[in-house]
N, C-alpha and C. Protein backbone atom coordinates (compact mmCIF):
# COMPACT_ATOMS: atom_id res chain seq x y z
N MET A 1 94.23 77.46 -38.17
CA MET A 1 92.89 77.19 -37.70
C MET A 1 92.88 77.38 -36.18
N ILE A 2 91.88 78.11 -35.71
CA ILE A 2 91.75 78.39 -34.28
C ILE A 2 90.38 77.94 -33.82
N LYS A 3 90.33 77.03 -32.83
CA LYS A 3 89.06 76.59 -32.28
C LYS A 3 88.54 77.67 -31.34
N VAL A 4 87.23 78.01 -31.50
CA VAL A 4 86.62 79.02 -30.65
C VAL A 4 85.32 78.46 -30.04
N ASN A 5 85.09 78.83 -28.80
CA ASN A 5 83.84 78.45 -28.14
C ASN A 5 82.76 79.44 -28.53
N LEU A 6 81.60 78.90 -28.83
CA LEU A 6 80.43 79.69 -29.20
C LEU A 6 79.28 79.28 -28.28
N PRO A 7 78.20 80.05 -28.22
CA PRO A 7 77.08 79.66 -27.35
C PRO A 7 76.54 78.26 -27.71
N ASN A 8 76.63 77.32 -26.78
CA ASN A 8 76.17 75.94 -26.93
C ASN A 8 76.88 75.13 -27.99
N THR A 9 78.01 75.62 -28.50
CA THR A 9 78.71 74.90 -29.56
C THR A 9 80.13 75.43 -29.71
N TRP A 10 80.74 75.16 -30.85
CA TRP A 10 82.09 75.65 -31.12
C TRP A 10 82.26 75.81 -32.63
N GLY A 11 83.37 76.42 -32.98
CA GLY A 11 83.69 76.63 -34.38
C GLY A 11 85.19 76.74 -34.55
N TYR A 12 85.58 76.96 -35.79
CA TYR A 12 87.00 77.09 -36.14
C TYR A 12 87.17 78.28 -37.06
N GLU A 13 87.91 79.28 -36.60
CA GLU A 13 88.26 80.40 -37.46
C GLU A 13 89.32 79.94 -38.46
N ASN A 14 89.28 80.53 -39.64
CA ASN A 14 90.24 80.21 -40.71
C ASN A 14 90.31 78.71 -40.99
N PHE A 15 89.13 78.08 -41.07
CA PHE A 15 89.07 76.65 -41.37
C PHE A 15 89.51 76.38 -42.80
N ILE A 16 89.32 77.38 -43.67
CA ILE A 16 89.76 77.25 -45.06
C ILE A 16 90.73 78.38 -45.38
N SER A 17 91.53 78.15 -46.40
CA SER A 17 92.49 79.16 -46.85
C SER A 17 91.79 80.18 -47.75
N ASP A 18 92.48 81.27 -48.03
CA ASP A 18 91.95 82.26 -48.97
C ASP A 18 91.70 81.64 -50.34
N ASP A 19 92.62 80.78 -50.80
CA ASP A 19 92.45 80.13 -52.10
C ASP A 19 91.23 79.21 -52.11
N GLU A 20 91.03 78.43 -51.04
CA GLU A 20 89.86 77.56 -50.95
C GLU A 20 88.58 78.40 -50.94
N GLN A 21 88.60 79.48 -50.19
CA GLN A 21 87.44 80.36 -50.15
C GLN A 21 87.10 80.87 -51.54
N SER A 22 88.10 81.31 -52.27
CA SER A 22 87.89 81.84 -53.61
C SER A 22 87.28 80.79 -54.54
N VAL A 23 87.82 79.58 -54.51
CA VAL A 23 87.30 78.50 -55.36
C VAL A 23 85.86 78.17 -54.99
N LEU A 24 85.57 78.06 -53.69
CA LEU A 24 84.22 77.69 -53.25
C LEU A 24 83.21 78.80 -53.54
N ILE A 25 83.60 80.06 -53.41
CA ILE A 25 82.69 81.16 -53.76
C ILE A 25 82.45 81.17 -55.27
N ASP A 26 83.49 80.95 -56.06
CA ASP A 26 83.31 80.89 -57.52
C ASP A 26 82.34 79.77 -57.89
N PHE A 27 82.49 78.61 -57.26
CA PHE A 27 81.58 77.49 -57.52
C PHE A 27 80.15 77.87 -57.12
N ALA A 28 79.99 78.43 -55.93
CA ALA A 28 78.66 78.82 -55.45
C ALA A 28 78.02 79.84 -56.39
N ASN A 29 78.78 80.82 -56.82
CA ASN A 29 78.24 81.83 -57.75
C ASN A 29 77.88 81.21 -59.10
N TYR A 30 78.66 80.23 -59.53
CA TYR A 30 78.38 79.54 -60.79
C TYR A 30 77.02 78.83 -60.75
N ILE A 31 76.72 78.17 -59.61
CA ILE A 31 75.45 77.44 -59.53
C ILE A 31 74.31 78.30 -58.98
N ARG A 32 74.60 79.51 -58.54
CA ARG A 32 73.56 80.37 -57.94
C ARG A 32 72.31 80.48 -58.80
N PRO A 33 72.41 80.68 -60.13
CA PRO A 33 71.18 80.80 -60.93
C PRO A 33 70.33 79.52 -60.94
N LYS A 34 70.92 78.40 -60.56
CA LYS A 34 70.21 77.12 -60.57
C LYS A 34 69.60 76.77 -59.21
N LEU A 35 69.89 77.56 -58.19
CA LEU A 35 69.40 77.26 -56.85
C LEU A 35 67.91 77.54 -56.73
N ARG A 36 67.27 76.79 -55.84
CA ARG A 36 65.83 76.94 -55.61
C ARG A 36 65.56 78.08 -54.64
N ASN A 37 64.46 78.79 -54.89
CA ASN A 37 64.02 79.81 -53.97
C ASN A 37 63.48 79.12 -52.73
N ASN A 38 63.91 79.61 -51.56
CA ASN A 38 63.52 78.99 -50.30
C ASN A 38 62.98 80.06 -49.34
N GLY A 39 62.22 81.01 -49.88
CA GLY A 39 61.71 82.12 -49.08
C GLY A 39 62.32 83.42 -49.56
N PHE A 40 61.79 84.53 -49.10
CA PHE A 40 62.27 85.83 -49.56
C PHE A 40 63.77 85.98 -49.33
N GLY A 41 64.52 86.23 -50.40
CA GLY A 41 65.96 86.46 -50.30
C GLY A 41 66.79 85.23 -49.98
N ARG A 42 66.18 84.05 -50.09
CA ARG A 42 66.88 82.79 -49.74
C ARG A 42 66.87 81.84 -50.92
N PHE A 43 68.03 81.24 -51.17
CA PHE A 43 68.18 80.29 -52.27
C PHE A 43 69.10 79.17 -51.80
N TYR A 44 68.77 77.93 -52.21
CA TYR A 44 69.61 76.82 -51.77
C TYR A 44 69.40 75.61 -52.69
N HIS A 45 70.27 74.67 -52.54
CA HIS A 45 70.11 73.35 -53.14
C HIS A 45 70.74 72.33 -52.22
N ASP A 46 70.00 71.25 -51.98
CA ASP A 46 70.51 70.17 -51.15
C ASP A 46 71.24 69.14 -52.02
N HIS A 47 71.84 68.17 -51.39
CA HIS A 47 72.55 67.07 -52.08
C HIS A 47 73.40 67.59 -53.26
N ILE A 48 74.23 68.55 -52.95
CA ILE A 48 75.04 69.24 -53.97
C ILE A 48 75.84 68.27 -54.84
N LYS A 49 76.47 67.26 -54.22
CA LYS A 49 77.32 66.35 -55.00
C LYS A 49 76.53 65.48 -55.95
N VAL A 50 75.25 65.29 -55.69
CA VAL A 50 74.41 64.51 -56.59
C VAL A 50 74.03 65.36 -57.81
N ARG A 51 73.91 66.65 -57.60
CA ARG A 51 73.40 67.56 -58.63
C ARG A 51 74.48 68.23 -59.47
N TYR A 52 75.68 68.40 -58.90
CA TYR A 52 76.72 69.18 -59.56
C TYR A 52 78.08 68.49 -59.40
N THR A 53 78.97 68.81 -60.30
CA THR A 53 80.36 68.40 -60.14
C THR A 53 81.04 69.45 -59.27
N VAL A 54 81.45 69.02 -58.08
CA VAL A 54 82.02 69.97 -57.13
C VAL A 54 83.53 70.06 -57.31
N PRO A 55 84.12 71.19 -56.96
CA PRO A 55 85.59 71.29 -57.01
C PRO A 55 86.21 70.41 -55.94
N LYS A 56 87.45 70.02 -56.13
CA LYS A 56 88.14 69.14 -55.19
C LYS A 56 88.19 69.75 -53.78
N GLU A 57 88.21 71.06 -53.70
CA GLU A 57 88.24 71.74 -52.39
C GLU A 57 87.03 71.40 -51.54
N PHE A 58 85.90 71.16 -52.17
CA PHE A 58 84.68 70.77 -51.45
C PHE A 58 84.93 69.47 -50.69
N ASP A 59 85.44 68.46 -51.39
CA ASP A 59 85.72 67.17 -50.76
C ASP A 59 86.84 67.27 -49.73
N GLU A 60 87.83 68.11 -50.01
CA GLU A 60 88.93 68.28 -49.07
C GLU A 60 88.45 68.90 -47.75
N VAL A 61 87.55 69.86 -47.85
CA VAL A 61 86.99 70.48 -46.64
C VAL A 61 86.19 69.45 -45.84
N LYS A 62 85.38 68.66 -46.54
CA LYS A 62 84.58 67.65 -45.83
C LYS A 62 85.48 66.64 -45.12
N ALA A 63 86.54 66.20 -45.78
CA ALA A 63 87.49 65.27 -45.15
C ALA A 63 88.17 65.94 -43.95
N ARG A 64 88.47 67.22 -44.05
CA ARG A 64 89.10 67.95 -42.95
C ARG A 64 88.15 68.04 -41.75
N ILE A 65 86.86 68.21 -42.01
CA ILE A 65 85.87 68.23 -40.92
C ILE A 65 85.89 66.90 -40.19
N ILE A 66 85.82 65.81 -40.93
CA ILE A 66 85.80 64.47 -40.33
C ILE A 66 87.06 64.24 -39.50
N GLU A 67 88.20 64.64 -40.03
CA GLU A 67 89.47 64.46 -39.31
C GLU A 67 89.55 65.38 -38.09
N THR A 68 89.24 66.65 -38.25
CA THR A 68 89.35 67.62 -37.16
C THR A 68 88.41 67.27 -36.01
N GLU A 69 87.20 66.89 -36.34
CA GLU A 69 86.19 66.58 -35.32
C GLU A 69 86.28 65.12 -34.85
N GLN A 70 87.18 64.36 -35.46
CA GLN A 70 87.37 62.95 -35.12
C GLN A 70 86.04 62.19 -35.16
N LEU A 71 85.32 62.42 -36.26
CA LEU A 71 84.03 61.75 -36.45
C LEU A 71 84.27 60.32 -36.88
N ASP A 72 83.66 59.38 -36.16
CA ASP A 72 83.83 57.98 -36.55
C ASP A 72 82.54 57.18 -36.47
N ASP A 73 81.56 57.66 -35.75
CA ASP A 73 80.30 56.92 -35.62
C ASP A 73 79.17 57.80 -36.14
N PHE A 74 79.04 57.84 -37.47
CA PHE A 74 78.07 58.73 -38.11
C PHE A 74 77.62 58.13 -39.43
N ILE A 75 76.54 58.71 -39.95
CA ILE A 75 76.17 58.49 -41.34
C ILE A 75 76.06 59.87 -41.98
N PHE A 76 76.25 59.93 -43.27
CA PHE A 76 76.04 61.21 -43.94
C PHE A 76 74.55 61.48 -43.96
N ASP A 77 74.18 62.73 -43.76
CA ASP A 77 72.78 63.07 -43.64
C ASP A 77 71.99 62.72 -44.91
N PRO A 78 71.01 61.82 -44.80
CA PRO A 78 70.23 61.44 -45.98
C PRO A 78 69.14 62.45 -46.33
N ILE A 79 68.79 63.34 -45.40
CA ILE A 79 67.67 64.26 -45.62
C ILE A 79 68.06 65.38 -46.58
N PHE A 80 69.10 66.12 -46.24
CA PHE A 80 69.55 67.25 -47.06
C PHE A 80 70.92 67.01 -47.68
N GLY A 81 71.67 66.05 -47.16
CA GLY A 81 73.04 65.88 -47.61
C GLY A 81 73.83 67.13 -47.30
N ASP A 82 74.71 67.49 -48.21
CA ASP A 82 75.46 68.74 -48.11
C ASP A 82 74.73 69.75 -48.99
N PHE A 83 74.59 70.98 -48.50
CA PHE A 83 73.90 71.97 -49.33
C PHE A 83 74.63 73.30 -49.36
N ILE A 84 74.30 74.08 -50.36
CA ILE A 84 74.79 75.45 -50.49
C ILE A 84 73.59 76.36 -50.36
N SER A 85 73.75 77.44 -49.60
CA SER A 85 72.67 78.40 -49.48
C SER A 85 73.19 79.82 -49.62
N PHE A 86 72.35 80.65 -50.19
CA PHE A 86 72.57 82.09 -50.30
C PHE A 86 71.46 82.76 -49.52
N ASN A 87 71.81 83.65 -48.62
CA ASN A 87 70.84 84.57 -48.03
C ASN A 87 71.23 85.94 -48.56
N GLU A 88 70.31 86.53 -49.30
CA GLU A 88 70.56 87.81 -49.94
C GLU A 88 69.75 88.89 -49.23
N ASN A 89 69.83 90.12 -49.70
CA ASN A 89 69.19 91.26 -49.03
C ASN A 89 67.75 90.93 -48.64
N GLY A 90 67.47 91.04 -47.33
CA GLY A 90 66.14 90.77 -46.80
C GLY A 90 65.91 89.32 -46.41
N GLY A 91 66.84 88.44 -46.75
CA GLY A 91 66.68 87.02 -46.45
C GLY A 91 67.11 86.68 -45.03
N ALA A 92 66.35 85.79 -44.41
CA ALA A 92 66.66 85.29 -43.07
C ALA A 92 66.10 83.88 -42.96
N ILE A 93 66.75 83.06 -42.18
CA ILE A 93 66.30 81.69 -41.95
C ILE A 93 65.34 81.70 -40.76
N HIS A 94 64.18 81.09 -40.95
CA HIS A 94 63.18 81.01 -39.89
C HIS A 94 63.65 80.06 -38.78
N LYS A 95 63.11 80.24 -37.60
CA LYS A 95 63.45 79.40 -36.46
C LYS A 95 62.90 77.99 -36.68
N HIS A 96 63.76 77.00 -36.54
CA HIS A 96 63.35 75.61 -36.74
C HIS A 96 64.35 74.65 -36.11
N LYS A 97 63.95 73.41 -36.07
CA LYS A 97 64.81 72.30 -35.62
C LYS A 97 64.66 71.22 -36.68
N ASP A 98 65.76 70.56 -37.03
CA ASP A 98 65.73 69.53 -38.08
C ASP A 98 65.47 68.15 -37.49
N ASN A 99 65.12 67.23 -38.35
CA ASN A 99 64.82 65.87 -37.93
C ASN A 99 66.08 65.04 -37.75
N ASN A 100 66.06 64.20 -36.71
CA ASN A 100 67.14 63.25 -36.47
C ASN A 100 66.73 61.90 -37.03
N GLU A 101 67.71 61.15 -37.51
CA GLU A 101 67.49 59.74 -37.82
C GLU A 101 67.46 59.00 -36.48
N PRO A 102 66.73 57.89 -36.38
CA PRO A 102 66.68 57.17 -35.09
C PRO A 102 68.08 56.80 -34.59
N GLY A 103 68.37 57.19 -33.34
CA GLY A 103 69.65 56.89 -32.71
C GLY A 103 70.78 57.85 -33.07
N PHE A 104 70.47 58.90 -33.85
CA PHE A 104 71.48 59.85 -34.30
C PHE A 104 71.03 61.28 -34.01
N ILE A 105 71.97 62.21 -34.08
CA ILE A 105 71.68 63.64 -33.95
C ILE A 105 72.07 64.32 -35.26
N HIS A 106 71.11 64.98 -35.88
CA HIS A 106 71.37 65.72 -37.13
C HIS A 106 72.30 66.88 -36.80
N THR A 107 73.50 66.82 -37.33
CA THR A 107 74.54 67.81 -37.05
C THR A 107 75.04 68.39 -38.36
N ARG A 108 75.10 69.71 -38.42
CA ARG A 108 75.55 70.39 -39.63
C ARG A 108 76.82 71.17 -39.30
N TYR A 109 77.77 71.07 -40.20
CA TYR A 109 78.99 71.87 -40.10
C TYR A 109 78.88 72.93 -41.19
N ASN A 110 78.70 74.16 -40.75
CA ASN A 110 78.42 75.27 -41.66
C ASN A 110 79.69 76.06 -41.94
N LEU A 111 80.07 76.07 -43.21
CA LEU A 111 81.24 76.81 -43.66
C LEU A 111 80.78 78.14 -44.22
N ILE A 112 81.18 79.21 -43.56
CA ILE A 112 80.78 80.56 -43.98
C ILE A 112 81.78 81.05 -45.03
N CYS A 113 81.35 81.01 -46.28
CA CYS A 113 82.22 81.44 -47.37
C CYS A 113 82.17 82.96 -47.57
N SER A 114 80.98 83.53 -47.35
CA SER A 114 80.79 84.97 -47.52
C SER A 114 79.81 85.44 -46.47
N MET A 115 80.12 86.56 -45.84
CA MET A 115 79.22 87.19 -44.86
C MET A 115 78.86 88.59 -45.34
N PRO A 116 77.59 88.96 -45.19
CA PRO A 116 77.20 90.31 -45.56
C PRO A 116 77.82 91.34 -44.62
N ASP A 117 77.78 92.59 -45.05
CA ASP A 117 78.29 93.66 -44.20
C ASP A 117 77.40 93.87 -42.98
N VAL A 118 76.09 93.56 -43.13
CA VAL A 118 75.14 93.71 -42.03
C VAL A 118 74.25 92.47 -41.99
N GLY A 119 74.13 91.87 -40.80
CA GLY A 119 73.24 90.72 -40.62
C GLY A 119 73.87 89.41 -41.04
N GLY A 120 72.99 88.40 -41.17
CA GLY A 120 73.41 87.08 -41.62
C GLY A 120 73.90 86.14 -40.54
N ASN A 121 74.10 86.64 -39.33
CA ASN A 121 74.62 85.76 -38.27
C ASN A 121 73.57 84.72 -37.89
N PRO A 122 74.04 83.51 -37.59
CA PRO A 122 73.12 82.49 -37.09
C PRO A 122 72.60 82.86 -35.70
N ILE A 123 71.40 82.38 -35.42
CA ILE A 123 70.83 82.45 -34.07
C ILE A 123 70.66 80.99 -33.66
N TYR A 124 71.32 80.63 -32.58
CA TYR A 124 71.40 79.23 -32.15
C TYR A 124 70.91 79.14 -30.72
N GLU A 125 69.74 78.54 -30.54
CA GLU A 125 69.12 78.43 -29.21
C GLU A 125 69.05 79.82 -28.55
N ASN A 126 68.53 80.78 -29.35
CA ASN A 126 68.28 82.17 -28.93
C ASN A 126 69.54 83.01 -28.70
N ASN A 127 70.70 82.52 -29.09
CA ASN A 127 71.94 83.29 -28.99
C ASN A 127 72.45 83.63 -30.38
N ILE A 128 72.78 84.88 -30.61
CA ILE A 128 73.39 85.26 -31.89
C ILE A 128 74.83 84.78 -31.88
N VAL A 129 75.18 84.05 -32.92
CA VAL A 129 76.53 83.49 -33.05
C VAL A 129 77.34 84.39 -33.98
N GLU A 130 78.42 84.92 -33.46
CA GLU A 130 79.28 85.79 -34.25
C GLU A 130 80.21 84.93 -35.11
N VAL A 131 79.89 84.84 -36.40
CA VAL A 131 80.71 84.06 -37.32
C VAL A 131 81.44 85.01 -38.26
N LYS A 132 82.47 84.48 -38.89
CA LYS A 132 83.29 85.24 -39.83
C LYS A 132 83.45 84.43 -41.10
N GLU A 133 83.86 85.11 -42.14
CA GLU A 133 84.18 84.39 -43.37
C GLU A 133 85.32 83.42 -43.10
N LYS A 134 85.25 82.28 -43.77
CA LYS A 134 86.23 81.18 -43.66
C LYS A 134 86.09 80.41 -42.35
N MET A 135 85.02 80.67 -41.61
CA MET A 135 84.80 80.00 -40.34
C MET A 135 83.87 78.81 -40.53
N LEU A 136 84.14 77.75 -39.79
CA LEU A 136 83.28 76.58 -39.73
C LEU A 136 82.65 76.55 -38.36
N TRP A 137 81.32 76.42 -38.29
CA TRP A 137 80.68 76.30 -36.97
C TRP A 137 79.75 75.11 -36.96
N ARG A 138 79.70 74.47 -35.81
CA ARG A 138 78.96 73.22 -35.62
C ARG A 138 77.56 73.53 -35.10
N CYS A 139 76.55 72.98 -35.77
CA CYS A 139 75.16 73.19 -35.39
C CYS A 139 74.50 71.83 -35.19
N GLU A 140 74.12 71.54 -33.95
CA GLU A 140 73.36 70.32 -33.68
C GLU A 140 71.90 70.64 -34.02
N ALA A 141 71.64 70.57 -35.32
CA ALA A 141 70.36 71.02 -35.89
C ALA A 141 69.18 70.20 -35.42
N GLY A 142 69.42 68.97 -35.00
CA GLY A 142 68.35 68.11 -34.52
C GLY A 142 68.07 68.26 -33.03
N LEU A 143 68.87 69.05 -32.33
CA LEU A 143 68.67 69.27 -30.89
C LEU A 143 68.24 70.69 -30.56
N TYR A 144 68.77 71.67 -31.30
CA TYR A 144 68.57 73.07 -30.94
C TYR A 144 67.84 73.83 -32.04
N ASN A 145 66.98 74.73 -31.62
CA ASN A 145 66.36 75.65 -32.56
C ASN A 145 67.44 76.56 -33.13
N HIS A 146 67.32 76.85 -34.40
CA HIS A 146 68.28 77.73 -35.05
C HIS A 146 67.59 78.53 -36.16
N SER A 147 68.16 79.67 -36.46
CA SER A 147 67.63 80.59 -37.46
C SER A 147 68.76 81.55 -37.83
N SER A 148 68.43 82.69 -38.41
CA SER A 148 69.47 83.68 -38.69
C SER A 148 68.92 85.09 -38.65
N VAL A 149 69.83 86.02 -38.50
CA VAL A 149 69.53 87.45 -38.57
C VAL A 149 69.36 87.80 -40.05
N GLU A 150 68.44 88.69 -40.34
CA GLU A 150 68.19 89.12 -41.72
C GLU A 150 69.44 89.77 -42.33
N VAL A 151 69.70 89.44 -43.59
CA VAL A 151 70.81 90.03 -44.35
C VAL A 151 70.39 91.40 -44.86
N ARG A 152 71.30 92.35 -44.76
CA ARG A 152 71.08 93.70 -45.31
C ARG A 152 72.24 94.06 -46.22
N GLY A 153 71.91 94.55 -47.40
CA GLY A 153 72.93 95.00 -48.34
C GLY A 153 73.10 94.04 -49.50
N SER A 154 74.06 94.37 -50.35
CA SER A 154 74.25 93.63 -51.60
C SER A 154 75.15 92.40 -51.48
N LYS A 155 75.89 92.30 -50.41
CA LYS A 155 76.78 91.14 -50.24
C LYS A 155 76.02 90.01 -49.54
N PRO A 156 75.95 88.83 -50.17
CA PRO A 156 75.17 87.73 -49.58
C PRO A 156 75.95 86.96 -48.51
N ARG A 157 75.18 86.25 -47.72
CA ARG A 157 75.77 85.20 -46.88
C ARG A 157 75.75 83.95 -47.75
N ILE A 158 76.94 83.39 -47.98
CA ILE A 158 77.05 82.13 -48.72
C ILE A 158 77.56 81.09 -47.74
N ASN A 159 76.77 80.05 -47.57
CA ASN A 159 77.06 79.00 -46.60
C ASN A 159 77.08 77.65 -47.31
N ILE A 160 78.11 76.86 -47.03
CA ILE A 160 78.12 75.45 -47.45
C ILE A 160 77.93 74.66 -46.17
N SER A 161 76.86 73.88 -46.14
CA SER A 161 76.51 73.13 -44.94
C SER A 161 76.72 71.64 -45.19
N PHE A 162 77.66 71.07 -44.44
CA PHE A 162 78.00 69.65 -44.56
C PHE A 162 77.17 68.89 -43.53
N GLY A 163 76.39 67.91 -44.00
CA GLY A 163 75.43 67.24 -43.14
C GLY A 163 75.84 65.86 -42.67
N PHE A 164 75.71 65.66 -41.37
CA PHE A 164 76.01 64.38 -40.72
C PHE A 164 74.88 64.02 -39.77
N GLN A 165 74.69 62.76 -39.57
CA GLN A 165 73.86 62.25 -38.48
C GLN A 165 74.85 61.51 -37.58
N ILE A 166 75.09 62.06 -36.39
CA ILE A 166 76.11 61.54 -35.50
C ILE A 166 75.44 60.68 -34.43
N LYS A 167 76.02 59.50 -34.20
CA LYS A 167 75.46 58.55 -33.22
C LYS A 167 75.34 59.21 -31.86
N LYS A 168 74.18 59.00 -31.19
CA LYS A 168 73.98 59.56 -29.84
C LYS A 168 74.93 58.93 -28.87
């Protein structure tokens, strides 16, 4: 795992192994037909652990985030929880900022399981963030506007977003 500086934030290359990536993509593809449409070319489901039985790798990654980031003063995000999203051909996330719980900052740790050949990169406070497969990047969703570049082609962007509200 390699920590990298990104515009207004940071991330970790190779946060997951090839085996973990394979398991998480298989899980995401398994539930893909059950995901809700969230705009053209976009599909997602929030509160994944409430809705589905997740593989052990899901929980292991979340524990690794907490340990790596030394998170100790937080609550798990009650709004979206942890979610899985697919951005497929033509799909892009609109510019927005998420809600904070009082006294906390809505922070998402986005695990990029699959990246399209063209597009799909996050846009974070007007900067395109160069992410890679198996990379985890931190998004202070309650402080900064964020969106994404439109996906082009048949390979989707598959993102698992782990949600926290971190004490200010």
